[in-house]
Structures are given as structure tokens and as C-alpha cells.
Amino acid sequence: MESKIVHIAVYDTLADWEVGAAIAHINNGNWHRDPGTYRTRTVGPDTEPVTTMGGMRILPDLALADLSPADSAMLILPGADGWDRGDLDAFAGKAREFAAAGVPVAAICGATFGLARAGLLDDRGHTSNIAEYLAASGYAGGARYIDEPAVTDRAVITANSTAPFEFAREVFAALDLYEPQVLDGWYRLFAHGDPAGYAALAEYEARQATA
């Protein structure tokens, strides 16, 4: 089975914690509906190394100019200082290409500001850190703001900076990565430390072992 690629945008001051859960579990096939279906690749402004907010050094797999929606299952956009300054507008432009092609886009924290400024949130339900933060972008979608940790509307996922597990849950749902009860178990375990979530995952593993 050929793997589908989920592209993770990487750039200086990327907020490591916002996308860590999503990345790790896209690549970890233990509970996937179809193990081995997805893997991640990183895409940078170019192929020069970038340094995250946590000080990790990442060498991008490819440059943004070489990324096509036709070759991707999703584009994930983490927060970073550069979004507010407009330094990462090229990534927002690429997100517009993805949305126009019907390929999902997932943005968290500052990346939602970039999507707002690019017009992607004018007619979609969405969220961010706070409504006033997005209003500063000058966008026209304020009436569509939803005060929730994460929101999905027409293949565009948005989340606030304190919701990495809710963000990951929306990403997994958009990719159809887990069966519904497995997705619920994953979220209950990792977001809330609920032992019942672990039991749901263990039950799924047992079923797969005997299938």
C-alpha cells in the first residue's frame, strides 16, 4: 500500500507543542484504521534548516514552492512568531491552493491569523486564540468565529494554542485515521488521562491481532 503524505509546515520559531501529538500519531500506526496509510514530510520556506521555539533544528524535506496539493493528503500549519508579522504569508497562499483543491488544511494558533488574512476564514466556521486576535487581521469572518478549542469547516481545521489534543483529534477525523470509538479512546486517554480511553485502544489492538 502506498503511503499518503501529510505535509507539516516548518519555519523558525515553530511552536513545537502545538503539533507534536498530531505528528507522532499520524506516524504511529498502532491504532490506525489502515496501518501504514499515512506518513509525514516537512516543508519549509526552502530547504535550509529551521529552528523551532523549543530549540530543535529541523531540515525540511522539501521547499514550499515544490509542494502541490495533488501530492498531499493534508497541510498542517503550526503557530510561529512570523505569522503576525506577515513573514509566513506564502504558507497561507499555499493553504488557499489546498483549500481550492479540496485538500484539508489544519492551522493552529498564529497560523489561524495567516488564514484569516488570506481570506480563508471569511465564510467558514473557525476558532483561534481569541476573537480579538483574529479581528486584528482585518478579515471579514468575525461573525463565523466559534469559541471552541478546535473547529472544522469544509476541510479547514482551526484551533487555539492551548488545544493540541483537540487539534490532533480534528486532524485524525479529517484523515479518517481511526475508527470512531478508537478516536474517542485516543482523545480520552491523551487529553484527559482517562483509563477508559486506554481500554478502548487495547481492545482495538486485541481485535486487530486476531483479525
C-alpha atoms as a PDB file:
ATOM      1  CA  MET A   1       0.000   0.000   0.000  1.00  0.00           C
ATOM      2  CA  GLU A   2       1.423   3.383  -0.995  1.00  0.00           C
ATOM      3  CA  SER A   3       1.518   5.835   1.898  1.00  0.00           C
ATOM      4  CA  LYS A   4      -0.321   9.125   1.700  1.00  0.00           C
ATOM      5  CA  ILE A   5       1.720  12.142   2.706  1.00  0.00           C
ATOM      6  CA  VAL A   6       0.679  14.658   5.340  1.00  0.00           C
ATOM      7  CA  HIS A   7       2.843  17.758   4.990  1.00  0.00           C
ATOM      8  CA  ILE A   8       3.946  19.617   8.113  1.00  0.00           C
ATOM      9  CA  ALA A   9       4.999  23.222   7.587  1.00  0.00           C
ATOM     10  CA  VAL A  10       8.225  24.087   9.413  1.00  0.00           C
ATOM     11  CA  TYR A  11       9.765  27.507   9.948  1.00  0.00           C
ATOM     12  CA  ASP A  12      11.768  29.391  12.556  1.00  0.00           C
ATOM     13  CA  THR A  13      10.036  29.707  15.975  1.00  0.00           C
ATOM     14  CA  LEU A  14       7.570  26.928  15.144  1.00  0.00           C
ATOM     15  CA  ALA A  15       5.631  26.137  18.356  1.00  0.00           C
ATOM     16  CA  ASP A  16       6.682  22.526  18.957  1.00  0.00           C
ATOM     17  CA  TRP A  17       3.941  21.586  21.421  1.00  0.00           C
ATOM     18  CA  GLU A  18       1.068  22.580  19.159  1.00  0.00           C
ATOM     19  CA  VAL A  19       1.534  19.831  16.572  1.00  0.00           C
ATOM     20  CA  GLY A  20       3.541  17.176  18.402  1.00  0.00           C
ATOM     21  CA  ALA A  21       0.576  14.928  19.212  1.00  0.00           C
ATOM     22  CA  ALA A  22      -0.768  15.083  15.671  1.00  0.00           C
ATOM     23  CA  ILE A  23       2.603  14.337  14.055  1.00  0.00           C
ATOM     24  CA  ALA A  24       3.502  11.476  16.407  1.00  0.00           C
ATOM     25  CA  HIS A  25       0.236   9.634  15.972  1.00  0.00           C
ATOM     26  CA  ILE A  26      -0.030  10.120  12.219  1.00  0.00           C
ATOM     27  CA  ASN A  27       3.270   8.262  12.002  1.00  0.00           C
ATOM     28  CA  ASN A  28       2.432   5.692  14.719  1.00  0.00           C
ATOM     29  CA  GLY A  29       0.178   3.110  13.079  1.00  0.00           C
ATOM     30  CA  ASN A  30      -0.754   1.099  16.205  1.00  0.00           C
ATOM     31  CA  TRP A  31      -4.397   2.170  16.165  1.00  0.00           C
ATOM     32  CA  HIS A  32      -4.822   3.287  12.569  1.00  0.00           C
ATOM     33  CA  ARG A  33      -7.787   2.032  10.594  1.00  0.00           C
ATOM     34  CA  ASP A  34      -5.280   1.062   7.866  1.00  0.00           C
ATOM     35  CA  PRO A  35      -1.744   0.866   9.300  1.00  0.00           C
ATOM     36  CA  GLY A  36       0.910   2.314   7.040  1.00  0.00           C
ATOM     37  CA  THR A  37      -1.526   4.520   5.144  1.00  0.00           C
ATOM     38  CA  TYR A  38      -0.029   7.845   6.234  1.00  0.00           C
ATOM     39  CA  ARG A  39       3.369   9.332   6.887  1.00  0.00           C
ATOM     40  CA  THR A  40       4.581  12.894   7.347  1.00  0.00           C
ATOM     41  CA  ARG A  41       7.060  15.053   5.463  1.00  0.00           C
ATOM     42  CA  THR A  42       8.217  18.536   6.407  1.00  0.00           C
ATOM     43  CA  VAL A  43       8.020  21.546   4.114  1.00  0.00           C
ATOM     44  CA  GLY A  44       9.981  24.727   4.776  1.00  0.00           C
ATOM     45  CA  PRO A  45      10.297  28.139   3.113  1.00  0.00           C
ATOM     46  CA  ASP A  46      13.246  26.487   1.370  1.00  0.00           C
ATOM     47  CA  THR A  47      15.403  23.505   2.279  1.00  0.00           C
ATOM     48  CA  GLU A  48      17.621  25.357   4.754  1.00  0.00           C
ATOM     49  CA  PRO A  49      17.434  24.260   8.416  1.00  0.00           C
ATOM     50  CA  VAL A  50      14.910  25.938  10.695  1.00  0.00           C
ATOM     51  CA  THR A  51      14.896  26.205  14.484  1.00  0.00           C
ATOM     52  CA  THR A  52      11.735  25.678  16.495  1.00  0.00           C
ATOM     53  CA  MET A  53      10.657  27.687  19.523  1.00  0.00           C
ATOM     54  CA  GLY A  54      11.890  24.793  21.647  1.00  0.00           C
ATOM     55  CA  GLY A  55      15.333  24.959  20.049  1.00  0.00           C
ATOM     56  CA  MET A  56      15.030  21.869  17.837  1.00  0.00           C
ATOM     57  CA  ARG A  57      16.766  22.066  14.468  1.00  0.00           C
ATOM     58  CA  ILE A  58      14.782  20.686  11.512  1.00  0.00           C
ATOM     59  CA  LEU A  59      15.991  20.114   7.962  1.00  0.00           C
ATOM     60  CA  PRO A  60      12.898  20.381   5.702  1.00  0.00           C
ATOM     61  CA  ASP A  61      12.195  17.543   3.304  1.00  0.00           C
ATOM     62  CA  LEU A  62      11.138  19.943   0.560  1.00  0.00           C
ATOM     63  CA  ALA A  63      10.635  23.626  -0.191  1.00  0.00           C
ATOM     64  CA  LEU A  64       7.218  25.268  -0.200  1.00  0.00           C
ATOM     65  CA  ALA A  65       7.492  26.132  -3.897  1.00  0.00           C
ATOM     66  CA  ASP A  66       7.730  22.405  -4.689  1.00  0.00           C
ATOM     67  CA  LEU A  67       4.605  21.428  -2.742  1.00  0.00           C
ATOM     68  CA  SER A  68       1.466  20.610  -4.726  1.00  0.00           C
ATOM     69  CA  PRO A  69      -1.963  19.781  -3.246  1.00  0.00           C
ATOM     70  CA  ALA A  70      -2.123  16.885  -5.708  1.00  0.00           C
ATOM     71  CA  ASP A  71       0.743  15.210  -3.848  1.00  0.00           C
ATOM     72  CA  SER A  72      -0.633  15.710  -0.354  1.00  0.00           C
ATOM     73  CA  ALA A  73      -3.366  14.443   1.969  1.00  0.00           C
ATOM     74  CA  MET A  74      -3.227  17.493   4.255  1.00  0.00           C
ATOM     75  CA  LEU A  75      -1.166  20.588   5.091  1.00  0.00           C
ATOM     76  CA  ILE A  76      -0.599  21.240   8.803  1.00  0.00           C
ATOM     77  CA  LEU A  77       0.398  24.771   9.822  1.00  0.00           C
ATOM     78  CA  PRO A  78       1.798  25.299  13.348  1.00  0.00           C
ATOM     79  CA  GLY A  79       1.952  28.647  15.093  1.00  0.00           C
ATOM     80  CA  ALA A  80       5.109  30.776  14.984  1.00  0.00           C
ATOM     81  CA  ASP A  81       6.135  34.393  15.580  1.00  0.00           C
ATOM     82  CA  GLY A  82       6.297  35.073  11.849  1.00  0.00           C
ATOM     83  CA  TRP A  83       2.551  34.760  11.266  1.00  0.00           C
ATOM     84  CA  ASP A  84       1.671  38.054  12.956  1.00  0.00           C
ATOM     85  CA  ARG A  85       4.389  39.897  11.039  1.00  0.00           C
ATOM     86  CA  GLY A  86       3.318  38.520   7.660  1.00  0.00           C
ATOM     87  CA  ASP A  87       6.593  36.638   7.227  1.00  0.00           C
ATOM     88  CA  LEU A  88       4.740  33.392   6.524  1.00  0.00           C
ATOM     89  CA  ASP A  89       2.130  34.681   4.083  1.00  0.00           C
ATOM     90  CA  ALA A  90       3.497  32.343   1.406  1.00  0.00           C
ATOM     91  CA  PHE A  91       2.294  29.416   3.537  1.00  0.00           C
ATOM     92  CA  ALA A  92      -1.155  30.993   3.766  1.00  0.00           C
ATOM     93  CA  GLY A  93      -1.140  31.313  -0.014  1.00  0.00           C
ATOM     94  CA  LYS A  94      -0.321  27.622  -0.296  1.00  0.00           C
ATOM     95  CA  ALA A  95      -3.180  26.895   2.110  1.00  0.00           C
ATOM     96  CA  ARG A  96      -5.510  28.696  -0.303  1.00  0.00           C
ATOM     97  CA  GLU A  97      -4.313  26.393  -3.085  1.00  0.00           C
ATOM     98  CA  PHE A  98      -5.022  23.361  -0.894  1.00  0.00           C
ATOM     99  CA  ALA A  99      -8.497  24.552   0.059  1.00  0.00           C
ATOM    100  CA  ALA A 100      -9.345  25.328  -3.569  1.00  0.00           C
ATOM    101  CA  ALA A 101      -8.283  21.793  -4.494  1.00  0.00           C
ATOM    102  CA  GLY A 102     -10.352  20.269  -1.696  1.00  0.00           C
ATOM    103  CA  VAL A 103      -7.298  19.078   0.249  1.00  0.00           C
ATOM    104  CA  PRO A 104      -7.585  19.661   4.023  1.00  0.00           C
ATOM    105  CA  VAL A 105      -5.652  22.391   5.813  1.00  0.00           C
ATOM    106  CA  ALA A 106      -5.106  22.405   9.583  1.00  0.00           C
ATOM    107  CA  ALA A 107      -3.953  25.603  11.325  1.00  0.00           C
ATOM    108  CA  ILE A 108      -3.320  26.271  14.992  1.00  0.00           C
ATOM    109  CA  CYS A 109      -2.552  29.448  16.975  1.00  0.00           C
ATOM    110  CA  GLY A 110      -0.771  32.077  14.855  1.00  0.00           C
ATOM    111  CA  ALA A 111      -1.401  30.110  11.672  1.00  0.00           C
ATOM    112  CA  THR A 112      -5.111  30.900  12.048  1.00  0.00           C
ATOM    113  CA  PHE A 113      -4.169  34.586  11.798  1.00  0.00           C
ATOM    114  CA  GLY A 114      -2.472  33.865   8.481  1.00  0.00           C
ATOM    115  CA  LEU A 115      -5.516  32.017   7.167  1.00  0.00           C
ATOM    116  CA  ALA A 116      -7.768  34.884   8.275  1.00  0.00           C
ATOM    117  CA  ARG A 117      -5.622  37.445   6.494  1.00  0.00           C
ATOM    118  CA  ALA A 118      -5.680  35.262   3.371  1.00  0.00           C
ATOM    119  CA  GLY A 119      -9.499  35.232   3.370  1.00  0.00           C
ATOM    120  CA  LEU A 120      -9.887  31.527   4.120  1.00  0.00           C
ATOM    121  CA  LEU A 121     -11.951  32.126   7.253  1.00  0.00           C
ATOM    122  CA  ASP A 122     -14.332  34.765   5.905  1.00  0.00           C
ATOM    123  CA  ASP A 123     -17.040  32.219   5.124  1.00  0.00           C
ATOM    124  CA  ARG A 124     -16.096  29.253   7.334  1.00  0.00           C
ATOM    125  CA  GLY A 125     -16.758  28.458  10.954  1.00  0.00           C
ATOM    126  CA  HIS A 126     -13.446  28.782  12.771  1.00  0.00           C
ATOM    127  CA  THR A 127     -11.670  29.468  16.025  1.00  0.00           C
ATOM    128  CA  SER A 128      -8.354  30.860  17.260  1.00  0.00           C
ATOM    129  CA  ASN A 129      -6.751  32.062  20.479  1.00  0.00           C
ATOM    130  CA  ILE A 130      -9.423  34.747  20.987  1.00  0.00           C
ATOM    131  CA  ALA A 131     -11.773  36.538  18.605  1.00  0.00           C
ATOM    132  CA  GLU A 132      -9.983  39.874  19.085  1.00  0.00           C
ATOM    133  CA  TYR A 133      -6.728  38.328  17.911  1.00  0.00           C
ATOM    134  CA  LEU A 134      -8.190  37.415  14.534  1.00  0.00           C
ATOM    135  CA  ALA A 135     -10.027  40.722  14.270  1.00  0.00           C
ATOM    136  CA  ALA A 136      -6.633  42.427  14.123  1.00  0.00           C
ATOM    137  CA  SER A 137      -6.032  40.698  10.790  1.00  0.00           C
ATOM    138  CA  GLY A 138      -8.756  42.829   9.195  1.00  0.00           C
ATOM    139  CA  TYR A 139     -10.645  39.782   7.967  1.00  0.00           C
ATOM    140  CA  ALA A 140     -14.373  39.704   7.250  1.00  0.00           C
ATOM    141  CA  GLY A 141     -15.233  36.485   9.086  1.00  0.00           C
ATOM    142  CA  GLY A 142     -15.749  37.689  12.632  1.00  0.00           C
ATOM    143  CA  ALA A 143     -19.385  36.574  12.659  1.00  0.00           C
ATOM    144  CA  ARG A 144     -18.256  32.999  11.945  1.00  0.00           C
ATOM    145  CA  TYR A 145     -15.948  32.823  14.973  1.00  0.00           C
ATOM    146  CA  ILE A 146     -16.748  29.920  17.335  1.00  0.00           C
ATOM    147  CA  ASP A 147     -15.392  29.925  20.882  1.00  0.00           C
ATOM    148  CA  GLU A 148     -14.257  26.297  20.939  1.00  0.00           C
ATOM    149  CA  PRO A 149     -10.789  24.683  21.240  1.00  0.00           C
ATOM    150  CA  ALA A 150     -10.889  23.373  17.652  1.00  0.00           C
ATOM    151  CA  VAL A 151     -13.293  23.716  14.729  1.00  0.00           C
ATOM    152  CA  THR A 152     -13.532  22.059  11.298  1.00  0.00           C
ATOM    153  CA  ASP A 153     -15.498  23.579   8.436  1.00  0.00           C
ATOM    154  CA  ARG A 154     -15.236  22.496   4.799  1.00  0.00           C
ATOM    155  CA  ALA A 155     -11.851  20.824   5.206  1.00  0.00           C
ATOM    156  CA  VAL A 156     -10.253  23.741   7.095  1.00  0.00           C
ATOM    157  CA  ILE A 157      -9.324  22.995  10.710  1.00  0.00           C
ATOM    158  CA  THR A 158      -8.528  25.784  13.172  1.00  0.00           C
ATOM    159  CA  ALA A 159      -7.506  25.575  16.832  1.00  0.00           C
ATOM    160  CA  ASN A 160      -6.225  27.695  19.673  1.00  0.00           C
ATOM    161  CA  SER A 161      -2.717  27.399  21.048  1.00  0.00           C
ATOM    162  CA  THR A 162      -3.774  25.556  24.217  1.00  0.00           C
ATOM    163  CA  ALA A 163      -5.636  22.773  22.368  1.00  0.00           C
ATOM    164  CA  PRO A 164      -3.033  20.441  20.818  1.00  0.00           C
ATOM    165  CA  PHE A 165      -5.084  17.314  21.532  1.00  0.00           C
ATOM    166  CA  GLU A 166      -8.344  18.772  20.232  1.00  0.00           C
ATOM    167  CA  PHE A 167      -6.399  19.896  17.170  1.00  0.00           C
ATOM    168  CA  ALA A 168      -4.982  16.404  16.697  1.00  0.00           C
ATOM    169  CA  ARG A 169      -8.436  14.866  17.087  1.00  0.00           C
ATOM    170  CA  GLU A 170      -9.794  17.050  14.271  1.00  0.00           C
ATOM    171  CA  VAL A 171      -6.791  16.180  12.099  1.00  0.00           C
ATOM    172  CA  PHE A 172      -7.292  12.452  12.661  1.00  0.00           C
ATOM    173  CA  ALA A 173     -11.011  12.731  11.924  1.00  0.00           C
ATOM    174  CA  ALA A 174     -10.355  14.594   8.662  1.00  0.00           C
ATOM    175  CA  LEU A 175      -7.895  11.891   7.598  1.00  0.00           C
ATOM    176  CA  ASP A 176     -10.274   9.107   8.714  1.00  0.00           C
ATOM    177  CA  LEU A 177      -7.277   7.724  10.573  1.00  0.00           C
ATOM    178  CA  TYR A 178      -9.127   5.904  13.382  1.00  0.00           C
ATOM    179  CA  GLU A 179     -12.461   4.186  13.788  1.00  0.00           C
ATOM    180  CA  PRO A 180     -14.826   6.488  15.753  1.00  0.00           C
ATOM    181  CA  GLN A 181     -14.569   4.560  19.035  1.00  0.00           C
ATOM    182  CA  VAL A 182     -10.778   4.424  18.709  1.00  0.00           C
ATOM    183  CA  LEU A 183     -10.589   8.172  18.072  1.00  0.00           C
ATOM    184  CA  ASP A 184     -12.721   8.759  21.163  1.00  0.00           C
ATOM    185  CA  GLY A 185     -10.491   6.450  23.199  1.00  0.00           C
ATOM    186  CA  TRP A 186      -7.354   8.159  21.955  1.00  0.00           C
ATOM    187  CA  TYR A 187      -8.678  11.575  22.928  1.00  0.00           C
ATOM    188  CA  ARG A 188      -9.919  10.462  26.338  1.00  0.00           C
ATOM    189  CA  LEU A 189      -6.554   8.882  27.149  1.00  0.00           C
ATOM    190  CA  PHE A 190      -4.153  11.523  25.865  1.00  0.00           C
ATOM    191  CA  ALA A 191      -6.168  14.670  26.543  1.00  0.00           C
ATOM    192  CA  HIS A 192      -7.708  13.672  29.861  1.00  0.00           C
ATOM    193  CA  GLY A 193      -5.726  10.714  31.187  1.00  0.00           C
ATOM    194  CA  ASP A 194      -8.920   8.631  31.276  1.00  0.00           C
ATOM    195  CA  PRO A 195      -8.108   4.912  31.800  1.00  0.00           C
ATOM    196  CA  ALA A 196     -11.250   4.003  29.859  1.00  0.00           C
ATOM    197  CA  GLY A 197      -9.576   5.512  26.816  1.00  0.00           C
ATOM    198  CA  TYR A 198      -6.649   3.120  27.196  1.00  0.00           C
ATOM    199  CA  ALA A 199      -9.080   0.216  27.490  1.00  0.00           C
ATOM    200  CA  ALA A 200     -10.705   1.201  24.183  1.00  0.00           C
ATOM    201  CA  LEU A 201      -7.319   1.296  22.453  1.00  0.00           C
ATOM    202  CA  ALA A 202      -6.239  -2.016  23.987  1.00  0.00           C
ATOM    203  CA  GLU A 203      -9.492  -3.638  22.865  1.00  0.00           C
ATOM    204  CA  TYR A 204      -8.881  -2.415  19.317  1.00  0.00           C
ATOM    205  CA  GLU A 205      -5.331  -3.791  19.328  1.00  0.00           C
ATOM    206  CA  ALA A 206      -6.649  -7.171  20.519  1.00  0.00           C
ATOM    207  CA  ARG A 207      -9.235  -7.264  17.725  1.00  0.00           C
ATOM    208  CA  GLN A 208      -6.575  -6.427  15.128  1.00  0.00           C
ATOM    209  CA  ALA A 209      -4.293  -9.168  16.446  1.00  0.00           C
ATOM    210  CA  THR A 210      -6.965 -11.803  15.901  1.00  0.00           C
ATOM    211  CA  ALA A 211      -8.332 -10.439  12.613  1.00  0.00           C
END
